[in-house]
């Protein structure tokens, strides 16, 4: 493998990793590079990006990194859910989450189609782990997000990366600032307890490197 592109939001951008080299994209490249020539990781990700924001960024940026990549990893959707939840707290109807998921599905499908047009790269789509395993509301919403991701990936012929299974039952070990695993922690914690810590990023990188090495 020569290189891959990682598309996403704050997790892919490396939020709460102690250094860029310990965030999963760079660490994945390092692990892959140990087996031969160096592997380049191109990252297009920003904290707060929804699927719509990521789609806009992909369209606004040069396609050369995508064209040169052997694989493209897409991990987005968490902020789509988070913003939908905030809108509901402000009085939006209960259909807001369903609408957000429908928009996410459209955006993700578009991204897969666009990548297919400009690149021969493998497309890998990540599921979302649940940072609040002790809150049924979070579990239900993230379960719906992952079901949507699975459906879109299958229809697009993309590979599903089951990140949620790697974190299940190990959130305290893998999430920075983890407290009780309840949604209330997001309001009470000085650090928003949703991003992987170094151990979480390493677990993602190890699994992803294994997946990328298989062709």
Foldseek 3Di string as FASTA:
>chain_A
DAEEEEFEEDLLVPPQEPDPCLRQQNVLQVVLCVVDHGYDYHYDYYHLDALVNRLVSCVVDDCVRLAPHQEYEYEHHPNLQVVLVVVVVVPDDPCSLVVSLVVSLVSVLVVLVVSVVRYPHAYEYEQFAQLQVPEVVSVVSSVVNRVSSVVSCVVSVHHYDYLNVLCVPPSVVFWPQRDNSHPCCCVVTPDRGGYTYSVNSNSVSVSVSVVVVPD
